[in-house]
Amino acid sequence: MISRQILTFVVVGAVNTATYYGLYLLFLDWLPYLGAHALAFLLSMVGSFFLNARFTYRTRPTWRKFLLFPLTNVTNFLVTTTGVYVIVDVLHAGSRLAPLAASAAAIPVTFVLSRRIMVR
């Protein structure tokens, strides 16, 4: 059961990451990179909630879960935001690929926290 959930979580995460990245690139045309990152992250988090509820944890989405779900992403957001900042401003690498590189470290923590909220 957990191995299926982990696999599905990874697939949903890939879809969510693609959505986030597409939005990030779209917003990057008219926002500074951190603004583009934050807005894309927020919008993709809503999609992530519904995809994980339906496919990963096979649970009914509720307002309670929806309101708690962002807590699972606080760590993800902090790690990716710090990573994007370090990659762009400290390492002077490009801002286009920075979010993809920064997001990998937060995946295991996000899975554990989201499982606790979605599955009692």
PDB file of N, CA and C in Angstrom:
ATOM      1  N   MET A   1       0.825  -1.202   0.000  1.00  0.00           N
ATOM      2  CA  MET A   1       0.000   0.000   0.000  1.00  0.00           C
ATOM      3  C   MET A   1       0.864   1.258   0.000  1.00  0.00           C
ATOM      4  N   ILE A   2       1.842   1.302   0.912  1.00  0.00           N
ATOM      5  CA  ILE A   2       2.686   2.498   0.991  1.00  0.00           C
ATOM      6  C   ILE A   2       3.528   2.635  -0.269  1.00  0.00           C
ATOM      7  N   SER A   3       4.003   1.515  -0.819  1.00  0.00           N
ATOM      8  CA  SER A   3       4.822   1.613  -2.031  1.00  0.00           C
ATOM      9  C   SER A   3       4.008   2.151  -3.203  1.00  0.00           C
ATOM     10  N   ARG A   4       2.719   1.750  -3.283  1.00  0.00           N
ATOM     11  CA  ARG A   4       1.845   2.302  -4.329  1.00  0.00           C
ATOM     12  C   ARG A   4       1.655   3.793  -4.097  1.00  0.00           C
ATOM     13  N   GLN A   5       1.464   4.184  -2.845  1.00  0.00           N
ATOM     14  CA  GLN A   5       1.287   5.594  -2.534  1.00  0.00           C
ATOM     15  C   GLN A   5       2.533   6.403  -2.879  1.00  0.00           C
ATOM     16  N   ILE A   6       3.682   5.850  -2.583  1.00  0.00           N
ATOM     17  CA  ILE A   6       4.924   6.568  -2.890  1.00  0.00           C
ATOM     18  C   ILE A   6       5.065   6.739  -4.401  1.00  0.00           C
ATOM     19  N   LEU A   7       4.801   5.673  -5.149  1.00  0.00           N
ATOM     20  CA  LEU A   7       4.892   5.754  -6.609  1.00  0.00           C
ATOM     21  C   LEU A   7       3.895   6.770  -7.161  1.00  0.00           C
ATOM     22  N   THR A   8       2.665   6.715  -6.684  1.00  0.00           N
ATOM     23  CA  THR A   8       1.650   7.661  -7.144  1.00  0.00           C
ATOM     24  C   THR A   8       2.020   9.082  -6.732  1.00  0.00           C
ATOM     25  N   PHE A   9       2.549   9.237  -5.518  1.00  0.00           N
ATOM     26  CA  PHE A   9       2.991  10.544  -5.045  1.00  0.00           C
ATOM     27  C   PHE A   9       4.062  11.117  -5.973  1.00  0.00           C
ATOM     28  N   VAL A  10       4.978  10.270  -6.416  1.00  0.00           N
ATOM     29  CA  VAL A  10       6.039  10.711  -7.320  1.00  0.00           C
ATOM     30  C   VAL A  10       5.447  11.140  -8.665  1.00  0.00           C
ATOM     31  N   VAL A  11       4.486  10.366  -9.188  1.00  0.00           N
ATOM     32  CA  VAL A  11       3.854  10.711 -10.466  1.00  0.00           C
ATOM     33  C   VAL A  11       3.075  12.023 -10.332  1.00  0.00           C
ATOM     34  N   VAL A  12       2.276  12.125  -9.272  1.00  0.00           N
ATOM     35  CA  VAL A  12       1.527  13.371  -9.028  1.00  0.00           C
ATOM     36  C   VAL A  12       2.512  14.522  -8.843  1.00  0.00           C
ATOM     37  N   GLY A  13       3.595  14.276  -8.152  1.00  0.00           N
ATOM     38  CA  GLY A  13       4.615  15.304  -7.970  1.00  0.00           C
ATOM     39  C   GLY A  13       5.227  15.753  -9.286  1.00  0.00           C
ATOM     40  N   ALA A  14       5.439  14.811 -10.194  1.00  0.00           N
ATOM     41  CA  ALA A  14       5.983  15.165 -11.511  1.00  0.00           C
ATOM     42  C   ALA A  14       4.993  16.045 -12.283  1.00  0.00           C
ATOM     43  N   VAL A  15       3.715  15.674 -12.241  1.00  0.00           N
ATOM     44  CA  VAL A  15       2.679  16.485 -12.897  1.00  0.00           C
ATOM     45  C   VAL A  15       2.630  17.865 -12.246  1.00  0.00           C
ATOM     46  N   ASN A  16       2.660  17.881 -10.928  1.00  0.00           N
ATOM     47  CA  ASN A  16       2.612  19.147 -10.197  1.00  0.00           C
ATOM     48  C   ASN A  16       3.837  20.007 -10.493  1.00  0.00           C
ATOM     49  N   THR A  17       4.997  19.375 -10.561  1.00  0.00           N
ATOM     50  CA  THR A  17       6.222  20.113 -10.865  1.00  0.00           C
ATOM     51  C   THR A  17       6.166  20.701 -12.272  1.00  0.00           C
ATOM     52  N   ALA A  18       5.666  19.933 -13.227  1.00  0.00           N
ATOM     53  CA  ALA A  18       5.524  20.443 -14.595  1.00  0.00           C
ATOM     54  C   ALA A  18       4.558  21.628 -14.631  1.00  0.00           C
ATOM     55  N   THR A  19       3.466  21.505 -13.888  1.00  0.00           N
ATOM     56  CA  THR A  19       2.498  22.605 -13.813  1.00  0.00           C
ATOM     57  C   THR A  19       3.146  23.837 -13.185  1.00  0.00           C
ATOM     58  N   TYR A  20       3.802  23.618 -12.048  1.00  0.00           N
ATOM     59  CA  TYR A  20       4.501  24.711 -11.369  1.00  0.00           C
ATOM     60  C   TYR A  20       5.507  25.378 -12.306  1.00  0.00           C
ATOM     61  N   TYR A  21       6.308  24.568 -12.971  1.00  0.00           N
ATOM     62  CA  TYR A  21       7.376  25.114 -13.809  1.00  0.00           C
ATOM     63  C   TYR A  21       6.818  25.895 -14.998  1.00  0.00           C
ATOM     64  N   GLY A  22       5.745  25.362 -15.598  1.00  0.00           N
ATOM     65  CA  GLY A  22       5.099  26.089 -16.693  1.00  0.00           C
ATOM     66  C   GLY A  22       4.560  27.433 -16.228  1.00  0.00           C
ATOM     67  N   LEU A  23       3.914  27.437 -15.066  1.00  0.00           N
ATOM     68  CA  LEU A  23       3.403  28.692 -14.506  1.00  0.00           C
ATOM     69  C   LEU A  23       4.554  29.636 -14.149  1.00  0.00           C
ATOM     70  N   TYR A  24       5.610  29.080 -13.565  1.00  0.00           N
ATOM     71  CA  TYR A  24       6.777  29.881 -13.205  1.00  0.00           C
ATOM     72  C   TYR A  24       7.351  30.587 -14.438  1.00  0.00           C
ATOM     73  N   LEU A  25       7.528  29.843 -15.523  1.00  0.00           N
ATOM     74  CA  LEU A  25       8.070  30.449 -16.744  1.00  0.00           C
ATOM     75  C   LEU A  25       7.127  31.505 -17.305  1.00  0.00           C
ATOM     76  N   LEU A  26       5.829  31.240 -17.224  1.00  0.00           N
ATOM     77  CA  LEU A  26       4.836  32.207 -17.692  1.00  0.00           C
ATOM     78  C   LEU A  26       4.902  33.496 -16.860  1.00  0.00           C
ATOM     79  N   PHE A  27       4.911  33.352 -15.543  1.00  0.00           N
ATOM     80  CA  PHE A  27       4.934  34.518 -14.660  1.00  0.00           C
ATOM     81  C   PHE A  27       6.276  35.230 -14.673  1.00  0.00           C
ATOM     82  N   LEU A  28       7.344  34.511 -15.014  1.00  0.00           N
ATOM     83  CA  LEU A  28       8.685  35.098 -15.040  1.00  0.00           C
ATOM     84  C   LEU A  28       8.785  36.211 -16.076  1.00  0.00           C
ATOM     85  N   ASP A  29       7.905  36.175 -17.072  1.00  0.00           N
ATOM     86  CA  ASP A  29       7.913  37.224 -18.094  1.00  0.00           C
ATOM     87  C   ASP A  29       7.456  38.575 -17.543  1.00  0.00           C
ATOM     88  N   TRP A  30       6.693  38.582 -16.468  1.00  0.00           N
ATOM     89  CA  TRP A  30       6.197  39.858 -15.947  1.00  0.00           C
ATOM     90  C   TRP A  30       6.367  40.045 -14.439  1.00  0.00           C
ATOM     91  N   LEU A  31       7.017  39.113 -13.764  1.00  0.00           N
ATOM     92  CA  LEU A  31       7.288  39.251 -12.333  1.00  0.00           C
ATOM     93  C   LEU A  31       8.759  38.955 -12.062  1.00  0.00           C
ATOM     94  N   PRO A  32       9.315  39.500 -10.961  1.00  0.00           N
ATOM     95  CA  PRO A  32      10.649  39.073 -10.549  1.00  0.00           C
ATOM     96  C   PRO A  32      10.625  37.570 -10.214  1.00  0.00           C
ATOM     97  N   TYR A  33      11.764  36.923 -10.264  1.00  0.00           N
ATOM     98  CA  TYR A  33      11.779  35.461 -10.134  1.00  0.00           C
ATOM     99  C   TYR A  33      11.171  34.959  -8.829  1.00  0.00           C
ATOM    100  N   LEU A  34      11.379  35.664  -7.701  1.00  0.00           N
ATOM    101  CA  LEU A  34      10.787  35.192  -6.450  1.00  0.00           C
ATOM    102  C   LEU A  34       9.259  35.355  -6.451  1.00  0.00           C
ATOM    103  N   GLY A  35       8.746  36.402  -7.071  1.00  0.00           N
ATOM    104  CA  GLY A  35       7.302  36.576  -7.204  1.00  0.00           C
ATOM    105  C   GLY A  35       6.705  35.509  -8.101  1.00  0.00           C
ATOM    106  N   ALA A  36       7.378  35.218  -9.211  1.00  0.00           N
ATOM    107  CA  ALA A  36       6.931  34.162 -10.118  1.00  0.00           C
ATOM    108  C   ALA A  36       6.936  32.811  -9.404  1.00  0.00           C
ATOM    109  N   HIS A  37       7.963  32.583  -8.618  1.00  0.00           N
ATOM    110  CA  HIS A  37       8.074  31.339  -7.847  1.00  0.00           C
ATOM    111  C   HIS A  37       6.926  31.202  -6.853  1.00  0.00           C
ATOM    112  N   ALA A  38       6.672  32.253  -6.084  1.00  0.00           N
ATOM    113  CA  ALA A  38       5.631  32.192  -5.051  1.00  0.00           C
ATOM    114  C   ALA A  38       4.244  31.991  -5.651  1.00  0.00           C
ATOM    115  N   LEU A  39       3.914  32.726  -6.698  1.00  0.00           N
ATOM    116  CA  LEU A  39       2.590  32.605  -7.317  1.00  0.00           C
ATOM    117  C   LEU A  39       2.406  31.243  -7.978  1.00  0.00           C
ATOM    118  N   ALA A  40       3.403  30.778  -8.690  1.00  0.00           N
ATOM    119  CA  ALA A  40       3.320  29.457  -9.321  1.00  0.00           C
ATOM    120  C   ALA A  40       3.212  28.362  -8.266  1.00  0.00           C
ATOM    121  N   PHE A  41       3.935  28.506  -7.179  1.00  0.00           N
ATOM    122  CA  PHE A  41       3.899  27.531  -6.093  1.00  0.00           C
ATOM    123  C   PHE A  41       2.510  27.463  -5.475  1.00  0.00           C
ATOM    124  N   LEU A  42       1.913  28.608  -5.199  1.00  0.00           N
ATOM    125  CA  LEU A  42       0.584  28.672  -4.599  1.00  0.00           C
ATOM    126  C   LEU A  42      -0.464  28.013  -5.497  1.00  0.00           C
ATOM    127  N   LEU A  43      -0.452  28.336  -6.767  1.00  0.00           N
ATOM    128  CA  LEU A  43      -1.440  27.771  -7.687  1.00  0.00           C
ATOM    129  C   LEU A  43      -1.249  26.267  -7.887  1.00  0.00           C
ATOM    130  N   SER A  44      -0.012  25.843  -7.988  1.00  0.00           N
ATOM    131  CA  SER A  44       0.215  24.412  -8.186  1.00  0.00           C
ATOM    132  C   SER A  44      -0.078  23.617  -6.918  1.00  0.00           C
ATOM    133  N   MET A  45       0.001  24.254  -5.752  1.00  0.00           N
ATOM    134  CA  MET A  45      -0.314  23.575  -4.504  1.00  0.00           C
ATOM    135  C   MET A  45      -1.797  23.199  -4.450  1.00  0.00           C
ATOM    136  N   VAL A  46      -2.663  24.037  -4.975  1.00  0.00           N
ATOM    137  CA  VAL A  46      -4.093  23.719  -5.016  1.00  0.00           C
ATOM    138  C   VAL A  46      -4.315  22.476  -5.874  1.00  0.00           C
ATOM    139  N   GLY A  47      -3.685  22.450  -7.038  1.00  0.00           N
ATOM    140  CA  GLY A  47      -3.785  21.268  -7.898  1.00  0.00           C
ATOM    141  C   GLY A  47      -3.216  20.030  -7.236  1.00  0.00           C
ATOM    142  N   SER A  48      -2.119  20.189  -6.538  1.00  0.00           N
ATOM    143  CA  SER A  48      -1.492  19.072  -5.839  1.00  0.00           C
ATOM    144  C   SER A  48      -2.425  18.475  -4.796  1.00  0.00           C
ATOM    145  N   PHE A  49      -3.135  19.317  -4.070  1.00  0.00           N
ATOM    146  CA  PHE A  49      -4.065  18.826  -3.064  1.00  0.00           C
ATOM    147  C   PHE A  49      -5.102  17.895  -3.694  1.00  0.00           C
ATOM    148  N   PHE A  50      -5.736  18.349  -4.757  1.00  0.00           N
ATOM    149  CA  PHE A  50      -6.800  17.547  -5.370  1.00  0.00           C
ATOM    150  C   PHE A  50      -6.264  16.279  -6.037  1.00  0.00           C
ATOM    151  N   LEU A  51      -5.117  16.374  -6.689  1.00  0.00           N
ATOM    152  CA  LEU A  51      -4.525  15.182  -7.311  1.00  0.00           C
ATOM    153  C   LEU A  51      -4.106  14.157  -6.255  1.00  0.00           C
ATOM    154  N   ASN A  52      -3.494  14.617  -5.173  1.00  0.00           N
ATOM    155  CA  ASN A  52      -3.091  13.693  -4.119  1.00  0.00           C
ATOM    156  C   ASN A  52      -4.284  13.093  -3.393  1.00  0.00           C
ATOM    157  N   ALA A  53      -5.304  13.887  -3.152  1.00  0.00           N
ATOM    158  CA  ALA A  53      -6.504  13.351  -2.500  1.00  0.00           C
ATOM    159  C   ALA A  53      -7.114  12.249  -3.361  1.00  0.00           C
ATOM    160  N   ARG A  54      -7.229  12.496  -4.646  1.00  0.00           N
ATOM    161  CA  ARG A  54      -7.902  11.549  -5.536  1.00  0.00           C
ATOM    162  C   ARG A  54      -7.049  10.321  -5.853  1.00  0.00           C
ATOM    163  N   PHE A  55      -5.819  10.535  -6.245  1.00  0.00           N
ATOM    164  CA  PHE A  55      -5.013   9.437  -6.784  1.00  0.00           C
ATOM    165  C   PHE A  55      -4.041   8.818  -5.782  1.00  0.00           C
ATOM    166  N   THR A  56      -3.373   9.626  -4.980  1.00  0.00           N
ATOM    167  CA  THR A  56      -2.364   9.092  -4.071  1.00  0.00           C
ATOM    168  C   THR A  56      -2.989   8.448  -2.842  1.00  0.00           C
ATOM    169  N   TYR A  57      -3.863   9.193  -2.171  1.00  0.00           N
ATOM    170  CA  TYR A  57      -4.409   8.723  -0.898  1.00  0.00           C
ATOM    171  C   TYR A  57      -5.841   8.211  -1.001  1.00  0.00           C
ATOM    172  N   ARG A  58      -6.458   8.384  -2.184  1.00  0.00           N
ATOM    173  CA  ARG A  58      -7.823   7.893  -2.430  1.00  0.00           C
ATOM    174  C   ARG A  58      -8.767   8.256  -1.286  1.00  0.00           C
ATOM    175  N   THR A  59      -8.787   9.535  -1.000  1.00  0.00           N
ATOM    176  CA  THR A  59      -9.612  10.045   0.068  1.00  0.00           C
ATOM    177  C   THR A  59     -10.450  11.211  -0.448  1.00  0.00           C
ATOM    178  N   ARG A  60     -11.543  11.446   0.217  1.00  0.00           N
ATOM    179  CA  ARG A  60     -12.424  12.531  -0.184  1.00  0.00           C
ATOM    180  C   ARG A  60     -11.811  13.854   0.267  1.00  0.00           C
ATOM    181  N   PRO A  61     -11.684  14.822  -0.652  1.00  0.00           N
ATOM    182  CA  PRO A  61     -11.179  16.121  -0.234  1.00  0.00           C
ATOM    183  C   PRO A  61     -12.203  16.823   0.663  1.00  0.00           C
ATOM    184  N   THR A  62     -11.749  17.379   1.742  1.00  0.00           N
ATOM    185  CA  THR A  62     -12.616  18.129   2.647  1.00  0.00           C
ATOM    186  C   THR A  62     -11.996  19.503   2.872  1.00  0.00           C
ATOM    187  N   TRP A  63     -12.805  20.415   3.376  1.00  0.00           N
ATOM    188  CA  TRP A  63     -12.276  21.739   3.685  1.00  0.00           C
ATOM    189  C   TRP A  63     -11.185  21.645   4.743  1.00  0.00           C
ATOM    190  N   ARG A  64     -11.358  20.784   5.717  1.00  0.00           N
ATOM    191  CA  ARG A  64     -10.357  20.630   6.780  1.00  0.00           C
ATOM    192  C   ARG A  64      -9.013  20.194   6.190  1.00  0.00           C
ATOM    193  N   LYS A  65      -9.055  19.168   5.349  1.00  0.00           N
ATOM    194  CA  LYS A  65      -7.816  18.696   4.718  1.00  0.00           C
ATOM    195  C   LYS A  65      -7.224  19.775   3.812  1.00  0.00           C
ATOM    196  N   PHE A  66      -8.101  20.470   3.080  1.00  0.00           N
ATOM    197  CA  PHE A  66      -7.639  21.520   2.175  1.00  0.00           C
ATOM    198  C   PHE A  66      -6.932  22.629   2.951  1.00  0.00           C
ATOM    199  N   LEU A  67      -7.489  22.983   4.108  1.00  0.00           N
ATOM    200  CA  LEU A  67      -6.892  24.040   4.917  1.00  0.00           C
ATOM    201  C   LEU A  67      -5.613  23.590   5.620  1.00  0.00           C
ATOM    202  N   LEU A  68      -5.510  22.290   5.932  1.00  0.00           N
ATOM    203  CA  LEU A  68      -4.294  21.767   6.559  1.00  0.00           C
ATOM    204  C   LEU A  68      -3.200  21.438   5.545  1.00  0.00           C
ATOM    205  N   PHE A  69      -3.592  21.127   4.322  1.00  0.00           N
ATOM    206  CA  PHE A  69      -2.634  20.691   3.299  1.00  0.00           C
ATOM    207  C   PHE A  69      -1.479  21.674   3.083  1.00  0.00           C
ATOM    208  N   PRO A  70      -1.726  22.984   3.087  1.00  0.00           N
ATOM    209  CA  PRO A  70      -0.582  23.893   2.905  1.00  0.00           C
ATOM    210  C   PRO A  70       0.512  23.737   3.955  1.00  0.00           C
ATOM    211  N   LEU A  71       0.167  23.224   5.124  1.00  0.00           N
ATOM    212  CA  LEU A  71       1.205  22.994   6.132  1.00  0.00           C
ATOM    213  C   LEU A  71       2.244  22.005   5.625  1.00  0.00           C
ATOM    214  N   THR A  72       1.811  21.052   4.797  1.00  0.00           N
ATOM    215  CA  THR A  72       2.764  20.086   4.250  1.00  0.00           C
ATOM    216  C   THR A  72       3.733  20.749   3.286  1.00  0.00           C
ATOM    217  N   ASN A  73       3.306  21.859   2.740  1.00  0.00           N
ATOM    218  CA  ASN A  73       4.131  22.526   1.741  1.00  0.00           C
ATOM    219  C   ASN A  73       4.980  23.660   2.299  1.00  0.00           C
ATOM    220  N   VAL A  74       4.809  23.967   3.584  1.00  0.00           N
ATOM    221  CA  VAL A  74       5.622  25.027   4.171  1.00  0.00           C
ATOM    222  C   VAL A  74       7.103  24.660   4.086  1.00  0.00           C
ATOM    223  N   THR A  75       7.425  23.439   4.464  1.00  0.00           N
ATOM    224  CA  THR A  75       8.815  22.992   4.373  1.00  0.00           C
ATOM    225  C   THR A  75       9.282  22.998   2.927  1.00  0.00           C
ATOM    226  N   ASN A  76       8.436  22.470   2.046  1.00  0.00           N
ATOM    227  CA  ASN A  76       8.765  22.453   0.624  1.00  0.00           C
ATOM    228  C   ASN A  76       9.022  23.880   0.134  1.00  0.00           C
ATOM    229  N   PHE A  77       8.134  24.796   0.485  1.00  0.00           N
ATOM    230  CA  PHE A  77       8.281  26.179   0.041  1.00  0.00           C
ATOM    231  C   PHE A  77       9.564  26.808   0.577  1.00  0.00           C
ATOM    232  N   LEU A  78       9.852  26.592   1.853  1.00  0.00           N
ATOM    233  CA  LEU A  78      11.056  27.178   2.442  1.00  0.00           C
ATOM    234  C   LEU A  78      12.326  26.615   1.810  1.00  0.00           C
ATOM    235  N   VAL A  79      12.341  25.298   1.616  1.00  0.00           N
ATOM    236  CA  VAL A  79      13.523  24.672   1.012  1.00  0.00           C
ATOM    237  C   VAL A  79      13.698  25.129  -0.432  1.00  0.00           C
ATOM    238  N   THR A  80      12.616  25.116  -1.205  1.00  0.00           N
ATOM    239  CA  THR A  80      12.751  25.509  -2.615  1.00  0.00           C
ATOM    240  C   THR A  80      13.049  26.999  -2.753  1.00  0.00           C
ATOM    241  N   THR A  81      12.427  27.827  -1.929  1.00  0.00           N
ATOM    242  CA  THR A  81      12.697  29.264  -2.014  1.00  0.00           C
ATOM    243  C   THR A  81      14.146  29.567  -1.647  1.00  0.00           C
ATOM    244  N   THR A  82      14.626  28.942  -0.588  1.00  0.00           N
ATOM    245  CA  THR A  82      16.029  29.128  -0.200  1.00  0.00           C
ATOM    246  C   THR A  82      16.948  28.619  -1.306  1.00  0.00           C
ATOM    247  N   GLY A  83      16.599  27.461  -1.853  1.00  0.00           N
ATOM    248  CA  GLY A  83      17.415  26.898  -2.930  1.00  0.00           C
ATOM    249  C   GLY A  83      17.445  27.779  -4.161  1.00  0.00           C
ATOM    250  N   VAL A  84      16.288  28.305  -4.543  1.00  0.00           N
ATOM    251  CA  VAL A  84      16.231  29.196  -5.712  1.00  0.00           C
ATOM    252  C   VAL A  84      17.090  30.433  -5.465  1.00  0.00           C
ATOM    253  N   TYR A  85      16.958  30.997  -4.273  1.00  0.00           N
ATOM    254  CA  TYR A  85      17.761  32.186  -3.934  1.00  0.00           C
ATOM    255  C   TYR A  85      19.258  31.876  -4.001  1.00  0.00           C
ATOM    256  N   VAL A  86      19.662  30.772  -3.387  1.00  0.00           N
ATOM    257  CA  VAL A  86      21.083  30.404  -3.377  1.00  0.00           C
ATOM    258  C   VAL A  86      21.592  30.164  -4.799  1.00  0.00           C
ATOM    259  N   ILE A  87      20.820  29.419  -5.580  1.00  0.00           N
ATOM    260  CA  ILE A  87      21.252  29.115  -6.953  1.00  0.00           C
ATOM    261  C   ILE A  87      21.376  30.384  -7.793  1.00  0.00           C
ATOM    262  N   VAL A  88      20.391  31.291  -7.673  1.00  0.00           N
ATOM    263  CA  VAL A  88      20.386  32.484  -8.520  1.00  0.00           C
ATOM    264  C   VAL A  88      21.307  33.582  -7.979  1.00  0.00           C
ATOM    265  N   ASP A  89      21.152  33.938  -6.705  1.00  0.00           N
ATOM    266  CA  ASP A  89      21.878  35.101  -6.185  1.00  0.00           C
ATOM    267  C   ASP A  89      23.258  34.781  -5.609  1.00  0.00           C
ATOM    268  N   VAL A  90      23.441  33.590  -5.081  1.00  0.00           N
ATOM    269  CA  VAL A  90      24.739  33.251  -4.494  1.00  0.00           C
ATOM    270  C   VAL A  90      25.643  32.574  -5.527  1.00  0.00           C
ATOM    271  N   LEU A  91      25.090  31.577  -6.220  1.00  0.00           N
ATOM    272  CA  LEU A  91      25.884  30.846  -7.207  1.00  0.00           C
ATOM    273  C   LEU A  91      25.881  31.505  -8.592  1.00  0.00           C
ATOM    274  N   HIS A  92      25.007  32.499  -8.770  1.00  0.00           N
ATOM    275  CA  HIS A  92      24.888  33.240 -10.027  1.00  0.00           C
ATOM    276  C   HIS A  92      24.564  32.346 -11.219  1.00  0.00           C
ATOM    277  N   ALA A  93      23.744  31.329 -10.964  1.00  0.00           N
ATOM    278  CA  ALA A  93      23.270  30.476 -12.055  1.00  0.00           C
ATOM    279  C   ALA A  93      21.971  31.071 -12.582  1.00  0.00           C
ATOM    280  N   GLY A  94      21.483  30.545 -13.661  1.00  0.00           N
ATOM    281  CA  GLY A  94      20.274  31.070 -14.279  1.00  0.00           C
ATOM    282  C   GLY A  94      19.023  30.805 -13.456  1.00  0.00           C
ATOM    283  N   SER A  95      18.052  31.674 -13.606  1.00  0.00           N
ATOM    284  CA  SER A  95      16.803  31.555 -12.844  1.00  0.00           C
ATOM    285  C   SER A  95      15.807  30.609 -13.498  1.00  0.00           C
ATOM    286  N   ARG A  96      16.034  30.194 -14.718  1.00  0.00           N
ATOM    287  CA  ARG A  96      15.058  29.358 -15.416  1.00  0.00           C
ATOM    288  C   ARG A  96      15.027  27.924 -14.890  1.00  0.00           C
ATOM    289  N   LEU A  97      16.160  27.346 -14.542  1.00  0.00           N
ATOM    290  CA  LEU A  97      16.208  25.958 -14.066  1.00  0.00           C
ATOM    291  C   LEU A  97      16.362  25.843 -12.549  1.00  0.00           C
ATOM    292  N   ALA A  98      16.569  26.959 -11.887  1.00  0.00           N
ATOM    293  CA  ALA A  98      16.802  26.944 -10.442  1.00  0.00           C
ATOM    294  C   ALA A  98      15.700  26.252  -9.643  1.00  0.00           C
ATOM    295  N   PRO A  99      14.409  26.481  -9.943  1.00  0.00           N
ATOM    296  CA  PRO A  99      13.365  25.838  -9.132  1.00  0.00           C
ATOM    297  C   PRO A  99      13.360  24.317  -9.249  1.00  0.00           C
ATOM    298  N   LEU A 100      13.705  23.797 -10.400  1.00  0.00           N
ATOM    299  CA  LEU A 100      13.732  22.337 -10.566  1.00  0.00           C
ATOM    300  C   LEU A 100      14.825  21.719  -9.703  1.00  0.00           C
ATOM    301  N   ALA A 101      15.970  22.340  -9.701  1.00  0.00           N
ATOM    302  CA  ALA A 101      17.077  21.823  -8.896  1.00  0.00           C
ATOM    303  C   ALA A 101      16.781  21.953  -7.404  1.00  0.00           C
ATOM    304  N   ALA A 102      16.145  23.042  -7.012  1.00  0.00           N
ATOM    305  CA  ALA A 102      15.896  23.294  -5.591  1.00  0.00           C
ATOM    306  C   ALA A 102      14.780  22.432  -5.012  1.00  0.00           C
ATOM    307  N   SER A 103      13.880  21.956  -5.843  1.00  0.00           N
ATOM    308  CA  SER A 103      12.705  21.245  -5.324  1.00  0.00           C
ATOM    309  C   SER A 103      12.977  19.794  -4.922  1.00  0.00           C
ATOM    310  N   ALA A 104      14.010  19.193  -5.419  1.00  0.00           N
ATOM    311  CA  ALA A 104      14.256  17.770  -5.169  1.00  0.00           C
ATOM    312  C   ALA A 104      14.457  17.433  -3.689  1.00  0.00           C
ATOM    313  N   ALA A 105      15.071  18.313  -2.950  1.00  0.00           N
ATOM    314  CA  ALA A 105      15.392  18.022  -1.546  1.00  0.00           C
ATOM    315  C   ALA A 105      14.163  17.941  -0.644  1.00  0.00           C
ATOM    316  N   ALA A 106      13.074  18.580  -1.015  1.00  0.00           N
ATOM    317  CA  ALA A 106      11.900  18.647  -0.138  1.00  0.00           C
ATOM    318  C   ALA A 106      10.902  17.505  -0.355  1.00  0.00           C
ATOM    319  N   ILE A 107      11.070  16.687  -1.358  1.00  0.00           N
ATOM    320  CA  ILE A 107      10.075  15.665  -1.711  1.00  0.00           C
ATOM    321  C   ILE A 107       9.802  14.664  -0.581  1.00  0.00           C
ATOM    322  N   PRO A 108      10.794  14.059   0.036  1.00  0.00           N
ATOM    323  CA  PRO A 108      10.488  13.067   1.090  1.00  0.00           C
ATOM    324  C   PRO A 108       9.728  13.653   2.278  1.00  0.00           C
ATOM    325  N   VAL A 109      10.093  14.844   2.695  1.00  0.00           N
ATOM    326  CA  VAL A 109       9.415  15.472   3.831  1.00  0.00           C
ATOM    327  C   VAL A 109       7.965  15.780   3.475  1.00  0.00           C
ATOM    328  N   THR A 110       7.741  16.263   2.278  1.00  0.00           N
ATOM    329  CA  THR A 110       6.387  16.582   1.830  1.00  0.00           C
ATOM    330  C   THR A 110       5.510  15.341   1.803  1.00  0.00           C
ATOM    331  N   PHE A 111       6.048  14.203   1.363  1.00  0.00           N
ATOM    332  CA  PHE A 111       5.265  12.961   1.344  1.00  0.00           C
ATOM    333  C   PHE A 111       4.826  12.566   2.746  1.00  0.00           C
ATOM    334  N   VAL A 112       5.746  12.570   3.685  1.00  0.00           N
ATOM    335  CA  VAL A 112       5.424  12.153   5.052  1.00  0.00           C
ATOM    336  C   VAL A 112       4.366  13.070   5.666  1.00  0.00           C
ATOM    337  N   LEU A 113       4.527  14.355   5.514  1.00  0.00           N
ATOM    338  CA  LEU A 113       3.570  15.294   6.093  1.00  0.00           C
ATOM    339  C   LEU A 113       2.201  15.210   5.418  1.00  0.00           C
ATOM    340  N   SER A 114       2.181  15.092   4.099  1.00  0.00           N
ATOM    341  CA  SER A 114       0.887  15.021   3.411  1.00  0.00           C
ATOM    342  C   SER A 114       0.157  13.730   3.749  1.00  0.00           C
ATOM    343  N   ARG A 115       0.875  12.644   3.919  1.00  0.00           N
ATOM    344  CA  ARG A 115       0.249  11.389   4.308  1.00  0.00           C
ATOM    345  C   ARG A 115      -0.406  11.509   5.672  1.00  0.00           C
ATOM    346  N   ARG A 116       0.236  12.188   6.583  1.00  0.00           N
ATOM    347  CA  ARG A 116      -0.337  12.368   7.927  1.00  0.00           C
ATOM    348  C   ARG A 116      -1.637  13.172   7.886  1.00  0.00           C
ATOM    349  N   ILE A 117      -1.716  14.127   6.998  1.00  0.00           N
ATOM    350  CA  ILE A 117      -2.926  14.949   6.909  1.00  0.00           C
ATOM    351  C   ILE A 117      -4.032  14.240   6.126  1.00  0.00           C
ATOM    352  N   MET A 118      -3.677  13.600   5.035  1.00  0.00           N
ATOM    353  CA  MET A 118      -4.682  13.019   4.151  1.00  0.00           C
ATOM    354  C   MET A 118      -5.228  11.677   4.647  1.00  0.00           C
ATOM    355  N   VAL A 119      -4.393  10.912   5.349  1.00  0.00           N
ATOM    356  CA  VAL A 119      -4.799   9.586   5.824  1.00  0.00           C
ATOM    357  C   VAL A 119      -4.712   9.581   7.347  1.00  0.00           C
ATOM    358  N   ARG A 120      -5.808   9.290   7.975  1.00  0.00           N
ATOM    359  CA  ARG A 120      -5.799   9.284   9.441  1.00  0.00           C
ATOM    360  C   ARG A 120      -5.217   7.999   9.966  1.00  0.00           C
TER     361      ARG A 120
END
